[in-house]
Structures are given as structure tokens and as C-alpha cells.
Protein backbone atom coordinates (compact mmCIF):
# COMPACT_ATOMS: atom_id res chain seq x y z
CA ARG A 1 4.63 -26.26 43.52
CA ASP A 2 3.34 -22.83 44.38
CA PRO A 3 0.87 -23.41 47.25
CA ARG A 4 -1.23 -20.51 45.96
CA ASN A 5 -1.27 -21.69 42.33
CA PRO A 6 -0.59 -25.42 41.86
CA ASP A 7 -0.30 -24.91 38.09
CA LEU A 8 3.02 -23.12 38.70
CA PHE A 9 6.33 -24.00 40.30
CA TRP A 10 8.04 -21.47 42.56
CA ILE A 11 11.64 -20.86 43.68
CA HIS A 12 12.68 -18.31 46.33
CA TYR A 13 16.24 -17.09 46.93
CA HIS A 14 16.49 -15.17 50.19
CA TRP A 15 19.10 -12.48 50.91
CA ASN A 16 17.41 -9.60 52.70
CA SER A 17 18.01 -10.91 56.24
CA TYR A 18 21.78 -11.00 55.74
CA ASP A 19 24.38 -8.28 56.17
CA LYS A 20 25.27 -6.78 52.78
CA ASN A 21 27.28 -3.98 51.23
CA LEU A 22 25.17 -2.55 48.39
CA HIS A 23 27.80 -0.09 47.20
CA TYR A 24 28.79 -2.17 44.15
CA TYR A 25 26.10 -4.85 43.80
CA ALA A 26 22.34 -5.14 44.10
CA MET A 27 21.26 -8.32 45.89
CA PRO A 28 17.45 -8.50 46.15
CA ASP A 29 15.38 -11.46 47.22
CA VAL A 30 14.33 -13.37 44.11
CA ASP A 31 11.04 -15.19 43.46
CA ILE A 32 10.67 -17.06 40.17
CA TRP A 33 7.51 -18.74 38.92
CA PHE A 34 7.62 -21.41 36.20
CA ARG A 35 5.17 -23.49 34.27
CA LEU A 36 6.05 -26.79 32.63
CA LYS A 37 6.02 -26.78 28.83
CA PRO A 38 4.52 -29.76 26.95
CA ASP A 39 8.03 -31.24 26.67
CA GLY A 40 8.32 -31.18 30.48
CA LEU A 41 10.93 -28.41 30.66
CA PRO A 42 10.31 -25.38 32.90
CA LEU A 43 9.54 -21.96 31.42
CA PRO A 44 9.84 -18.86 33.65
CA VAL A 45 6.68 -16.73 33.50
CA ARG A 46 7.18 -14.19 36.32
CA ILE A 47 10.04 -12.86 38.43
CA THR A 48 9.69 -10.64 41.51
CA LEU A 49 12.76 -8.91 42.94
CA THR A 50 12.39 -7.58 46.49
CA GLY A 51 14.86 -4.91 47.59
CA PRO A 52 16.91 -2.11 46.03
CA LEU A 53 17.95 -2.54 42.40
CA ARG A 54 19.73 0.81 41.95
CA ALA A 55 22.04 2.96 44.05
CA ASP A 56 19.29 5.58 44.53
CA GLU A 57 16.89 3.02 46.06
CA SER A 58 16.93 2.09 49.74
CA ASP A 59 13.63 0.36 50.60
CA PRO A 60 14.43 -3.32 51.36
CA ARG A 61 10.72 -4.17 50.87
CA ALA A 62 10.30 -2.57 47.43
CA LYS A 63 8.94 -5.16 44.98
CA HIS A 64 9.61 -5.17 41.24
CA THR A 65 7.72 -7.75 39.17
CA PHE A 66 8.66 -8.62 35.59
CA THR A 67 7.09 -10.84 32.91
CA PRO A 68 8.09 -11.74 29.33
CA GLU A 69 6.04 -8.76 28.12
CA ASP A 70 8.58 -6.42 29.73
CA GLY A 71 11.16 -6.93 26.98
CA PRO A 72 14.68 -5.80 27.99
CA LYS A 73 13.67 -5.53 31.66
CA TRP A 74 12.57 -9.18 31.55
CA GLN A 75 15.98 -10.16 30.18
CA ALA A 76 17.66 -8.14 32.95
CA ALA A 77 15.43 -9.75 35.60
CA LYS A 78 16.37 -13.21 34.30
CA ARG A 79 20.07 -12.32 34.58
CA VAL A 80 19.55 -11.24 38.19
CA ALA A 81 17.65 -14.47 38.89
CA ARG A 82 20.33 -16.66 37.30
CA VAL A 83 23.16 -14.95 39.18
CA SER A 84 21.23 -15.14 42.46
CA GLY A 85 20.50 -18.82 41.88
CA ALA A 86 24.15 -19.56 41.12
CA ILE A 87 25.39 -17.77 44.24
CA TYR A 88 22.73 -19.35 46.47
CA THR A 89 23.41 -22.84 45.13
CA GLU A 90 27.17 -22.49 45.67
CA VAL A 91 27.03 -20.76 49.07
CA ALA A 92 24.05 -22.49 50.69
CA HIS A 93 23.86 -25.94 49.13
CA HIS A 94 27.43 -26.65 48.04
CA PHE A 95 29.67 -24.76 50.49
CA ALA A 96 27.56 -24.78 53.67
CA GLY A 97 25.23 -27.72 53.13
CA THR A 98 27.93 -30.05 51.79
CA HIS A 99 31.47 -29.01 52.75
CA LEU A 100 30.93 -27.37 56.13
CA ASN A 101 28.20 -29.81 57.12
CA VAL A 102 30.49 -32.78 56.41
CA GLU A 103 33.38 -31.28 58.39
CA GLN A 104 31.66 -32.04 61.71
CA TYR A 105 31.53 -35.73 60.70
CA ALA A 106 35.18 -35.57 59.61
CA ILE A 107 36.22 -34.29 63.05
CA ALA A 108 34.28 -37.08 64.78
CA ALA A 109 35.61 -39.76 62.42
CA PHE A 110 39.28 -38.81 62.73
CA ARG A 111 38.95 -38.64 66.52
CA ASN A 112 37.13 -41.93 66.99
CA LEU A 113 37.40 -44.34 64.03
CA HIS A 114 40.96 -45.61 64.52
CA LEU A 115 40.59 -49.37 64.10
CA SER A 116 36.99 -49.40 62.95
CA PRO A 117 36.27 -51.04 59.57
CA ILE A 118 34.01 -48.08 58.83
CA ALA A 119 37.16 -45.95 58.61
CA GLY A 120 37.94 -47.55 55.26
CA LEU A 121 34.58 -46.39 53.94
CA LEU A 122 34.77 -42.82 55.18
CA LYS A 123 38.28 -41.52 55.73
CA SER A 124 39.51 -41.07 52.15
CA PHE A 125 36.36 -39.11 51.29
CA LEU A 126 36.49 -37.06 54.49
CA ARG A 127 40.18 -36.29 54.00
CA SER A 128 39.41 -34.79 50.58
CA VAL A 129 36.58 -32.67 51.98
CA VAL A 130 38.76 -31.30 54.78
CA LEU A 131 41.51 -30.42 52.30
CA VAL A 132 39.03 -28.48 50.12
CA ASN A 133 37.61 -26.74 53.21
CA HIS A 134 41.10 -25.69 54.27
CA THR A 135 41.68 -24.12 50.85
CA ALA A 136 38.26 -22.41 50.99
CA ASP A 137 39.29 -20.73 54.24
CA ARG A 138 42.02 -18.94 52.29
CA ILE A 139 40.34 -18.07 48.99
CA LEU A 140 36.54 -18.12 49.35
CA VAL A 141 35.32 -16.93 52.75
CA GLY A 142 36.07 -13.93 54.96
CA ASN A 143 37.41 -11.30 52.57
CA GLY A 144 37.83 -13.87 49.81
CA TYR A 145 36.15 -14.40 46.48
CA ILE A 146 32.52 -14.74 47.61
CA THR A 147 32.40 -11.41 49.42
CA SER A 148 34.18 -9.64 46.56
CA ALA A 149 31.87 -11.09 43.88
CA CYS A 150 28.53 -10.23 45.51
CA ALA A 151 27.03 -7.88 48.09
CA LEU A 152 27.41 -10.26 51.06
CA THR A 153 29.83 -9.06 53.72
CA PRO A 154 31.91 -11.57 55.73
CA LYS A 155 29.29 -11.21 58.49
CA GLY A 156 26.49 -11.82 55.98
CA LEU A 157 28.22 -14.92 54.64
CA ASP A 158 28.55 -16.27 58.19
CA GLN A 159 24.82 -15.61 58.71
CA VAL A 160 23.93 -17.60 55.58
CA VAL A 161 26.15 -20.48 56.68
CA MET A 162 24.72 -20.56 60.21
CA ASN A 163 21.16 -20.43 58.87
CA VAL A 164 21.79 -23.33 56.48
CA LEU A 165 23.66 -25.50 59.01
CA GLY A 166 20.96 -24.83 61.60
CA SER A 167 18.35 -26.32 59.27
CA MET A 168 20.23 -29.45 58.15
CA ASP A 169 18.45 -32.72 58.94
CA TRP A 170 19.31 -35.96 57.13
CA LYS A 171 16.48 -38.02 58.65
CA ASN A 172 14.38 -39.52 55.82
CA PHE A 173 16.28 -37.43 53.26
CA ARG A 174 16.46 -38.43 49.63
CA PRO A 175 16.67 -36.35 46.43
CA MET A 176 13.53 -34.74 45.05
CA GLN A 177 11.34 -36.75 42.72
CA PRO A 178 11.41 -35.72 39.03
CA LEU A 179 8.79 -33.18 38.03
CA SER A 180 8.63 -34.61 34.51
CA GLU A 181 10.42 -37.01 32.17
CA ALA A 182 12.62 -34.09 31.11
CA HIS A 183 13.83 -33.50 34.69
CA VAL A 184 17.10 -35.35 34.10
CA PHE A 185 18.93 -33.81 37.07
CA ALA A 186 16.44 -35.25 39.57
CA LYS A 187 16.56 -38.64 37.84
CA ALA A 188 20.37 -38.63 37.95
CA ALA A 189 20.36 -37.54 41.62
CA ASN A 190 18.05 -40.42 42.56
CA LEU A 191 20.13 -42.91 40.59
CA TYR A 192 23.32 -41.72 42.31
CA TRP A 193 21.59 -41.83 45.72
CA ASP A 194 20.49 -45.42 45.15
CA ILE A 195 23.96 -46.48 43.96
CA VAL A 196 25.66 -44.95 47.02
CA ALA A 197 23.08 -46.44 49.38
CA GLN A 198 23.61 -49.90 47.84
CA TYR A 199 27.40 -49.54 48.01
CA VAL A 200 27.30 -48.54 51.67
CA SER A 201 24.89 -51.39 52.46
CA ASP A 202 27.12 -53.92 50.66
CA TYR A 203 30.25 -52.57 52.40
CA ILE A 204 28.71 -52.86 55.85
């Protein structure tokens, strides 16, 4: 919830601290505010983009706010927000927060869990993650797909990864609670979390 307006929900995608090449792509910070409709689904009501949106702009603190009353500009702002959300989810949560975060456990497991019964629980999963990470080194990072599909430079991508990994903490973690009955992703995430936790408990 937005701490300044508890009737709204707020998402922030941050890019302005990271090294970027704005020659081809704009990549502003994105703030999106939603309200819940009567059916429990979120409806965006305001989007603020912070940073240059055109080649002739340079102020990284310039703010542009759009609402549904802005017509075509509102549609354009929603496209920027969706693209930013997709990139952030893939780079921060999926790539860094899942694949690269797990690799440190893979290294420890393959070094130390030789005859341990826990190896049977972990190694097949960790082997798959390491294989995907190895492929990502060739096609996604550095001068790969991510830095060709958005304004992040290889340095900027490294900065995002370091920032995410530096904030990872699994203590007391569990998926977010559903915001409404229509929040099926959160309900599925909690169901999956409980199933995995029970499987691990039964295995041990």
C-alpha cells in the first residue's frame, strides 16, 4: 500500500542510479499507483516517469505524470510501465534474485555434499540452475540480449545485480499475502511455497 494514501497500491521500478546508454532507449524510473476495483483486480490510476523520455531531454530528475484523462499519452505511459516492469522482473527477481542467488548455494553444495543425503534433495535442481546460468553468460549478460534490448550498459546490469544480491535475505521469507480474492498469483505462490516446504520437511 502507498504509505501516503492507503486507499492506493504503489509499485516503483528504479533505474536512475544505474549506468545507461540513452542513445536508443528511454529508461526512466517508473511509479504506478493502483486502486482495487470491486472485483478485486487492480486498476492503474496514475503513472509518474522520472528521467528523460526523449533524445532532447537530459534532466534525470524531470517528472512526467499521466492519468487516464491524458488519452494517447496515458496509453504510452502504460506501455513504458509494462516494459519497465517486465525488464525489472526478469533482471532483478528472476535472473539476479533466483539464478545468481542460487549459484552460491550450488558452489557450496557441489564442494561439500558428497555423501550427504541432502545431496539427493538439492543436486539435480542445482545442476539445472548452473546449466542455465552458464548459458546466460553467453547470451544474456555483458553485451548480450539484455543490454541490447534496453538502455542498461554491461556496467549498469552489473550494478543492478549487485544491488539485488546485496539485499537478499531469506530469513522469515514467504510469498506476499493476496490483496484480494482475485489475486490468484499470490494464492498460487503461497500454495507452491507450502507444498515445497512440506516436501522438504518430509524428505528430511
